[in-house]
Amino acid sequence: MNRFLNRTEAGKVLATELVAKGYDDPVILALPRGGVPVGIEVARALGAPMDLVMVRKIGVPWQPELAAAAVVNGDDPKIVINEEIAAHAGLSHEEIERLAQIQLKEIQRRREVYLKDRAAVPVEGRTVIVVDDGIATGATMRASLKAVRQQRPGKLVLAVPVAAPDTLASMRAEVDEVICLMQPEPLFGIGAHYADFGQTTDDEVIRLMDEASHLAQLAADKPD
């Protein structure tokens, strides 16, 4: 396979790999928006709760898709800087901090929209599987992993359908295990490996997170 039909198919294939691992007490953390349709398939297959890692790219001002850094929310927001890109763009750490504050406001807005008033799923001591639809430069994923590691999971697993090999290699030290279905060389773009890579909408994220909450409640109510 060199291309997935869509994020749902990618999630199902990824879930098959993860089910075979037999992880103890797993919880899925998806990066919105594109990671949520992938993550829900994993959550369904593993019977695991799913939550979100709220991360925002800090783009170069005149080229927003080029990530100079990324920020993850939490009690202690984590900023991860791509030093090479930041230096090339002439962005100081102070300027990145200023841009991060803007993104943190958007993160708070999105969390309220996506999760309403639901509490965060506890992850300390559990097998935490961080899921996205793919990794290119890795700025947002690297920030996510650092933030999740601070929450002291028992085991931290990175699981994605497709990633750039060099970027993935640079992240292996951040996690206990990596599951990746495709590592094309060179990687011209994540979307090239999906027949349908349309943008995941806020409404879809809300619907899938409502389903995830319902599945978690069913699991909690099930007799031992």
C-alpha atoms as a PDB file:
ATOM      1  CA  MET A   1       0.000   0.000   0.000  1.00  0.00           C
ATOM      2  CA  ASN A   2       1.398   3.402  -0.953  1.00  0.00           C
ATOM      3  CA  ARG A   3      -1.777   5.400  -0.439  1.00  0.00           C
ATOM      4  CA  PHE A   4      -4.758   5.312   1.933  1.00  0.00           C
ATOM      5  CA  LEU A   5      -8.293   5.948   0.753  1.00  0.00           C
ATOM      6  CA  ASN A   6      -8.844   8.465   3.565  1.00  0.00           C
ATOM      7  CA  ARG A   7      -8.078   9.049   7.249  1.00  0.00           C
ATOM      8  CA  THR A   8     -10.696   6.497   8.309  1.00  0.00           C
ATOM      9  CA  GLU A   9      -9.014   3.715   6.345  1.00  0.00           C
ATOM     10  CA  ALA A  10      -5.601   4.792   7.640  1.00  0.00           C
ATOM     11  CA  GLY A  11      -6.954   4.635  11.187  1.00  0.00           C
ATOM     12  CA  LYS A  12      -8.327   1.134  10.691  1.00  0.00           C
ATOM     13  CA  VAL A  13      -5.024  -0.165   9.327  1.00  0.00           C
ATOM     14  CA  LEU A  14      -3.129   1.523  12.144  1.00  0.00           C
ATOM     15  CA  ALA A  15      -5.576   0.088  14.694  1.00  0.00           C
ATOM     16  CA  THR A  16      -4.864  -3.446  13.455  1.00  0.00           C
ATOM     17  CA  GLU A  17      -1.170  -2.942  14.197  1.00  0.00           C
ATOM     18  CA  LEU A  18      -1.878  -1.511  17.639  1.00  0.00           C
ATOM     19  CA  VAL A  19      -4.400  -4.178  18.692  1.00  0.00           C
ATOM     20  CA  ALA A  20      -1.741  -6.821  18.057  1.00  0.00           C
ATOM     21  CA  LYS A  21       0.515  -5.148  20.629  1.00  0.00           C
ATOM     22  CA  GLY A  22      -1.799  -5.922  23.528  1.00  0.00           C
ATOM     23  CA  TYR A  23      -1.089  -2.677  25.349  1.00  0.00           C
ATOM     24  CA  ASP A  24      -2.060  -2.397  29.006  1.00  0.00           C
ATOM     25  CA  ASP A  25      -4.593   0.307  29.947  1.00  0.00           C
ATOM     26  CA  PRO A  26      -4.290   2.377  26.735  1.00  0.00           C
ATOM     27  CA  VAL A  27      -5.542   5.910  26.156  1.00  0.00           C
ATOM     28  CA  ILE A  28      -5.546   7.608  22.759  1.00  0.00           C
ATOM     29  CA  LEU A  29      -4.468  11.227  22.356  1.00  0.00           C
ATOM     30  CA  ALA A  30      -5.224  12.642  18.907  1.00  0.00           C
ATOM     31  CA  LEU A  31      -3.939  15.843  17.348  1.00  0.00           C
ATOM     32  CA  PRO A  32      -6.859  17.833  15.942  1.00  0.00           C
ATOM     33  CA  ARG A  33      -8.122  18.153  13.504  1.00  0.00           C
ATOM     34  CA  GLY A  34      -6.708  15.561  11.095  1.00  0.00           C
ATOM     35  CA  GLY A  35      -5.637  13.108  13.778  1.00  0.00           C
ATOM     36  CA  VAL A  36      -9.138  12.696  15.179  1.00  0.00           C
ATOM     37  CA  PRO A  37     -10.640  10.528  12.367  1.00  0.00           C
ATOM     38  CA  VAL A  38      -7.524   8.342  12.624  1.00  0.00           C
ATOM     39  CA  GLY A  39      -7.637   8.217  16.414  1.00  0.00           C
ATOM     40  CA  ILE A  40     -11.310   7.275  16.712  1.00  0.00           C
ATOM     41  CA  GLU A  41     -10.670   4.080  14.724  1.00  0.00           C
ATOM     42  CA  VAL A  42      -7.863   3.178  17.136  1.00  0.00           C
ATOM     43  CA  ALA A  43     -10.059   4.005  20.137  1.00  0.00           C
ATOM     44  CA  ARG A  44     -12.871   1.812  18.780  1.00  0.00           C
ATOM     45  CA  ALA A  45     -10.557  -1.119  18.124  1.00  0.00           C
ATOM     46  CA  LEU A  46      -8.781  -0.936  21.482  1.00  0.00           C
ATOM     47  CA  GLY A  47     -11.871  -0.038  23.500  1.00  0.00           C
ATOM     48  CA  ALA A  48      -9.850   2.874  24.824  1.00  0.00           C
ATOM     49  CA  PRO A  49     -10.807   6.423  25.806  1.00  0.00           C
ATOM     50  CA  MET A  50      -9.676   9.251  23.531  1.00  0.00           C
ATOM     51  CA  ASP A  51      -8.718  12.810  24.302  1.00  0.00           C
ATOM     52  CA  LEU A  52      -7.025  15.620  22.377  1.00  0.00           C
ATOM     53  CA  VAL A  53      -3.556  17.097  22.411  1.00  0.00           C
ATOM     54  CA  MET A  54      -4.243  20.741  21.665  1.00  0.00           C
ATOM     55  CA  VAL A  55      -1.246  21.937  19.706  1.00  0.00           C
ATOM     56  CA  ARG A  56      -0.850  24.872  17.335  1.00  0.00           C
ATOM     57  CA  LYS A  57       1.808  25.589  14.791  1.00  0.00           C
ATOM     58  CA  ILE A  58       3.617  28.924  15.043  1.00  0.00           C
ATOM     59  CA  GLY A  59       4.238  29.727  11.404  1.00  0.00           C
ATOM     60  CA  VAL A  60       6.696  32.121   9.849  1.00  0.00           C
ATOM     61  CA  PRO A  61       4.595  35.322   9.474  1.00  0.00           C
ATOM     62  CA  TRP A  62       4.953  35.577   5.706  1.00  0.00           C
ATOM     63  CA  GLN A  63       4.785  31.787   5.180  1.00  0.00           C
ATOM     64  CA  PRO A  64       2.308  30.482   7.785  1.00  0.00           C
ATOM     65  CA  GLU A  65       2.566  26.820   6.737  1.00  0.00           C
ATOM     66  CA  LEU A  66       6.295  26.803   7.556  1.00  0.00           C
ATOM     67  CA  ALA A  67       6.538  26.001  11.266  1.00  0.00           C
ATOM     68  CA  ALA A  68       9.059  28.028  13.239  1.00  0.00           C
ATOM     69  CA  ALA A  69       7.707  26.516  16.449  1.00  0.00           C
ATOM     70  CA  ALA A  70       4.675  24.887  18.027  1.00  0.00           C
ATOM     71  CA  VAL A  71       2.861  25.346  21.324  1.00  0.00           C
ATOM     72  CA  VAL A  72       0.811  22.895  23.409  1.00  0.00           C
ATOM     73  CA  ASN A  73      -1.662  24.012  26.041  1.00  0.00           C
ATOM     74  CA  GLY A  74      -1.783  22.918  29.641  1.00  0.00           C
ATOM     75  CA  ASP A  75      -1.042  24.293  33.075  1.00  0.00           C
ATOM     76  CA  ASP A  76       2.512  24.815  31.840  1.00  0.00           C
ATOM     77  CA  PRO A  77       2.310  25.524  28.069  1.00  0.00           C
ATOM     78  CA  LYS A  78       5.156  23.914  26.135  1.00  0.00           C
ATOM     79  CA  ILE A  79       6.825  25.696  23.220  1.00  0.00           C
ATOM     80  CA  VAL A  80       9.137  23.762  20.921  1.00  0.00           C
ATOM     81  CA  ILE A  81      11.202  25.887  18.539  1.00  0.00           C
ATOM     82  CA  ASN A  82      12.568  24.777  15.184  1.00  0.00           C
ATOM     83  CA  GLU A  83      15.792  26.706  15.681  1.00  0.00           C
ATOM     84  CA  GLU A  84      16.967  26.419  12.086  1.00  0.00           C
ATOM     85  CA  ILE A  85      13.743  27.794  10.604  1.00  0.00           C
ATOM     86  CA  ALA A  86      13.390  30.453  13.314  1.00  0.00           C
ATOM     87  CA  ALA A  87      16.943  31.683  12.687  1.00  0.00           C
ATOM     88  CA  HIS A  88      16.460  31.707   8.924  1.00  0.00           C
ATOM     89  CA  ALA A  89      13.270  33.749   9.373  1.00  0.00           C
ATOM     90  CA  GLY A  90      14.930  36.122  11.818  1.00  0.00           C
ATOM     91  CA  LEU A  91      12.439  35.309  14.595  1.00  0.00           C
ATOM     92  CA  SER A  92      13.681  35.845  18.144  1.00  0.00           C
ATOM     93  CA  HIS A  93      12.520  33.719  21.065  1.00  0.00           C
ATOM     94  CA  GLU A  94      10.642  36.788  22.359  1.00  0.00           C
ATOM     95  CA  GLU A  95       8.745  37.119  19.068  1.00  0.00           C
ATOM     96  CA  ILE A  96       7.913  33.408  19.099  1.00  0.00           C
ATOM     97  CA  GLU A  97       6.619  33.762  22.669  1.00  0.00           C
ATOM     98  CA  ARG A  98       4.374  36.626  21.546  1.00  0.00           C
ATOM     99  CA  LEU A  99       3.025  34.572  18.637  1.00  0.00           C
ATOM    100  CA  ALA A 100       2.505  31.622  20.984  1.00  0.00           C
ATOM    101  CA  GLN A 101       0.157  33.670  23.179  1.00  0.00           C
ATOM    102  CA  ILE A 102      -2.100  34.238  20.166  1.00  0.00           C
ATOM    103  CA  GLN A 103      -2.186  30.509  19.457  1.00  0.00           C
ATOM    104  CA  LEU A 104      -2.886  29.662  23.108  1.00  0.00           C
ATOM    105  CA  LYS A 105      -6.081  31.733  22.918  1.00  0.00           C
ATOM    106  CA  GLU A 106      -7.132  29.732  19.843  1.00  0.00           C
ATOM    107  CA  ILE A 107      -6.276  26.490  21.635  1.00  0.00           C
ATOM    108  CA  GLN A 108      -8.556  27.443  24.541  1.00  0.00           C
ATOM    109  CA  ARG A 109     -11.376  28.341  22.143  1.00  0.00           C
ATOM    110  CA  ARG A 110     -11.074  25.066  20.284  1.00  0.00           C
ATOM    111  CA  ARG A 111     -10.938  22.954  23.435  1.00  0.00           C
ATOM    112  CA  GLU A 112     -14.190  24.528  24.629  1.00  0.00           C
ATOM    113  CA  VAL A 113     -15.807  23.869  21.239  1.00  0.00           C
ATOM    114  CA  TYR A 114     -14.529  20.312  20.797  1.00  0.00           C
ATOM    115  CA  LEU A 115     -14.826  18.979  24.344  1.00  0.00           C
ATOM    116  CA  LYS A 116     -17.450  21.250  25.907  1.00  0.00           C
ATOM    117  CA  ASP A 117     -17.067  20.834  29.674  1.00  0.00           C
ATOM    118  CA  ARG A 118     -15.638  17.313  29.667  1.00  0.00           C
ATOM    119  CA  ALA A 119     -12.665  16.723  31.941  1.00  0.00           C
ATOM    120  CA  ALA A 120      -9.349  15.617  30.484  1.00  0.00           C
ATOM    121  CA  VAL A 121      -8.734  11.858  30.389  1.00  0.00           C
ATOM    122  CA  PRO A 122      -6.091  10.966  33.016  1.00  0.00           C
ATOM    123  CA  VAL A 123      -2.893   9.596  31.487  1.00  0.00           C
ATOM    124  CA  GLU A 124      -0.444   9.189  34.373  1.00  0.00           C
ATOM    125  CA  GLY A 125       0.847   5.624  34.531  1.00  0.00           C
ATOM    126  CA  ARG A 126      -1.111   4.526  31.447  1.00  0.00           C
ATOM    127  CA  THR A 127      -0.067   3.491  27.948  1.00  0.00           C
ATOM    128  CA  VAL A 128      -0.542   6.712  26.000  1.00  0.00           C
ATOM    129  CA  ILE A 129      -0.800   6.415  22.197  1.00  0.00           C
ATOM    130  CA  VAL A 130      -0.364   9.761  20.430  1.00  0.00           C
ATOM    131  CA  VAL A 131      -1.981   9.716  16.979  1.00  0.00           C
ATOM    132  CA  ASP A 132      -1.990  12.035  13.961  1.00  0.00           C
ATOM    133  CA  ASP A 133      -2.687  11.588  10.235  1.00  0.00           C
ATOM    134  CA  GLY A 134       1.001  12.003   9.362  1.00  0.00           C
ATOM    135  CA  ILE A 135       4.269  13.756  10.178  1.00  0.00           C
ATOM    136  CA  ALA A 136       6.272  15.993   7.836  1.00  0.00           C
ATOM    137  CA  THR A 137       8.500  18.522   9.643  1.00  0.00           C
ATOM    138  CA  GLY A 138       7.307  17.259  13.011  1.00  0.00           C
ATOM    139  CA  ALA A 139       7.151  20.579  14.885  1.00  0.00           C
ATOM    140  CA  THR A 140       3.625  20.059  16.214  1.00  0.00           C
ATOM    141  CA  MET A 141       4.169  16.394  17.058  1.00  0.00           C
ATOM    142  CA  ARG A 142       7.466  17.068  18.828  1.00  0.00           C
ATOM    143  CA  ALA A 143       5.789  19.695  21.009  1.00  0.00           C
ATOM    144  CA  SER A 144       2.926  17.294  21.719  1.00  0.00           C
ATOM    145  CA  LEU A 145       5.206  14.477  22.816  1.00  0.00           C
ATOM    146  CA  LYS A 146       7.162  16.726  25.162  1.00  0.00           C
ATOM    147  CA  ALA A 147       3.942  17.977  26.749  1.00  0.00           C
ATOM    148  CA  VAL A 148       2.512  14.465  27.134  1.00  0.00           C
ATOM    149  CA  ARG A 149       5.764  13.154  28.639  1.00  0.00           C
ATOM    150  CA  GLN A 150       5.425  15.768  31.401  1.00  0.00           C
ATOM    151  CA  GLN A 151       2.186  14.042  32.443  1.00  0.00           C
ATOM    152  CA  ARG A 152       4.165  10.896  33.375  1.00  0.00           C
ATOM    153  CA  PRO A 153       2.577   8.167  31.222  1.00  0.00           C
ATOM    154  CA  GLY A 154       3.623   4.601  31.976  1.00  0.00           C
ATOM    155  CA  LYS A 155       4.482   4.127  28.299  1.00  0.00           C
ATOM    156  CA  LEU A 156       4.447   6.640  25.456  1.00  0.00           C
ATOM    157  CA  VAL A 157       3.730   5.380  21.935  1.00  0.00           C
ATOM    158  CA  LEU A 158       3.786   7.429  18.734  1.00  0.00           C
ATOM    159  CA  ALA A 159       1.442   5.998  16.091  1.00  0.00           C
ATOM    160  CA  VAL A 160       0.946   7.487  12.612  1.00  0.00           C
ATOM    161  CA  PRO A 161       0.016   6.168   9.162  1.00  0.00           C
ATOM    162  CA  VAL A 162       2.809   8.005   7.310  1.00  0.00           C
ATOM    163  CA  ALA A 163       5.892  10.045   8.221  1.00  0.00           C
ATOM    164  CA  ALA A 164       9.134  11.399   6.821  1.00  0.00           C
ATOM    165  CA  PRO A 165      11.854   8.894   7.797  1.00  0.00           C
ATOM    166  CA  ASP A 166      14.377  11.454   9.022  1.00  0.00           C
ATOM    167  CA  THR A 167      11.785  13.313  11.088  1.00  0.00           C
ATOM    168  CA  LEU A 168      10.562  10.055  12.608  1.00  0.00           C
ATOM    169  CA  ALA A 169      14.122   9.012  13.449  1.00  0.00           C
ATOM    170  CA  SER A 170      14.668  12.282  15.288  1.00  0.00           C
ATOM    171  CA  MET A 171      11.619  11.586  17.483  1.00  0.00           C
ATOM    172  CA  ARG A 172      12.447   8.070  18.610  1.00  0.00           C
ATOM    173  CA  ALA A 173      14.249   9.329  21.691  1.00  0.00           C
ATOM    174  CA  GLU A 174      11.057  11.165  22.749  1.00  0.00           C
ATOM    175  CA  VAL A 175       8.935   7.998  23.006  1.00  0.00           C
ATOM    176  CA  ASP A 176       9.086   4.382  24.113  1.00  0.00           C
ATOM    177  CA  GLU A 177       7.777   2.967  20.836  1.00  0.00           C
ATOM    178  CA  VAL A 178       7.015   4.115  17.285  1.00  0.00           C
ATOM    179  CA  ILE A 179       4.390   2.581  15.013  1.00  0.00           C
ATOM    180  CA  CYS A 180       4.388   3.965  11.460  1.00  0.00           C
ATOM    181  CA  LEU A 181       2.822   2.233   8.459  1.00  0.00           C
ATOM    182  CA  MET A 182       4.689   4.100   5.681  1.00  0.00           C
ATOM    183  CA  GLN A 183       7.956   6.037   5.593  1.00  0.00           C
ATOM    184  CA  PRO A 184       8.330   7.233   1.979  1.00  0.00           C
ATOM    185  CA  GLU A 185      11.659   8.673   0.898  1.00  0.00           C
ATOM    186  CA  PRO A 186      11.393  11.444  -0.072  1.00  0.00           C
ATOM    187  CA  LEU A 187       8.137  12.601   1.488  1.00  0.00           C
ATOM    188  CA  PHE A 188       6.604  15.267  -0.769  1.00  0.00           C
ATOM    189  CA  GLY A 189       3.631  15.830   1.516  1.00  0.00           C
ATOM    190  CA  ILE A 190       1.292  13.908   3.781  1.00  0.00           C
ATOM    191  CA  GLY A 191      -1.653  14.461   1.432  1.00  0.00           C
ATOM    192  CA  ALA A 192       0.142  12.654  -1.387  1.00  0.00           C
ATOM    193  CA  HIS A 193      -0.445   9.407   0.509  1.00  0.00           C
ATOM    194  CA  TYR A 194      -4.222   9.819   0.790  1.00  0.00           C
ATOM    195  CA  ALA A 195      -6.713   9.638  -2.067  1.00  0.00           C
ATOM    196  CA  ASP A 196      -8.962  11.934  -0.011  1.00  0.00           C
ATOM    197  CA  PHE A 197      -7.121  14.378   2.243  1.00  0.00           C
ATOM    198  CA  GLY A 198      -9.842  16.972   2.604  1.00  0.00           C
ATOM    199  CA  GLN A 199      -9.758  19.178   5.663  1.00  0.00           C
ATOM    200  CA  THR A 200     -11.363  17.709   8.779  1.00  0.00           C
ATOM    201  CA  THR A 201     -14.053  20.124   9.951  1.00  0.00           C
ATOM    202  CA  ASP A 202     -14.789  21.336  13.465  1.00  0.00           C
ATOM    203  CA  ASP A 203     -18.197  19.651  13.230  1.00  0.00           C
ATOM    204  CA  GLU A 204     -16.546  16.308  12.461  1.00  0.00           C
ATOM    205  CA  VAL A 205     -14.169  16.661  15.396  1.00  0.00           C
ATOM    206  CA  ILE A 206     -17.092  17.479  17.708  1.00  0.00           C
ATOM    207  CA  ARG A 207     -19.077  14.474  16.457  1.00  0.00           C
ATOM    208  CA  LEU A 208     -16.167  12.060  16.854  1.00  0.00           C
ATOM    209  CA  MET A 209     -15.234  13.350  20.307  1.00  0.00           C
ATOM    210  CA  ASP A 210     -18.876  12.951  21.376  1.00  0.00           C
ATOM    211  CA  GLU A 211     -18.659   9.352  20.175  1.00  0.00           C
ATOM    212  CA  ALA A 212     -15.370   8.852  22.021  1.00  0.00           C
ATOM    213  CA  SER A 213     -16.967  10.126  25.217  1.00  0.00           C
ATOM    214  CA  HIS A 214     -19.908   7.747  24.761  1.00  0.00           C
ATOM    215  CA  LEU A 215     -17.596   4.777  24.152  1.00  0.00           C
ATOM    216  CA  ALA A 216     -15.547   5.638  27.251  1.00  0.00           C
ATOM    217  CA  GLN A 217     -18.725   5.804  29.353  1.00  0.00           C
ATOM    218  CA  LEU A 218     -19.874   2.417  28.071  1.00  0.00           C
ATOM    219  CA  ALA A 219     -16.492   0.924  28.939  1.00  0.00           C
ATOM    220  CA  ALA A 220     -16.602   2.465  32.416  1.00  0.00           C
ATOM    221  CA  ASP A 221     -20.102   1.081  33.036  1.00  0.00           C
ATOM    222  CA  LYS A 222     -19.184  -2.442  31.880  1.00  0.00           C
ATOM    223  CA  PRO A 223     -18.932  -4.948  34.773  1.00  0.00           C
ATOM    224  CA  ASP A 224     -15.426  -6.356  35.403  1.00  0.00           C
END
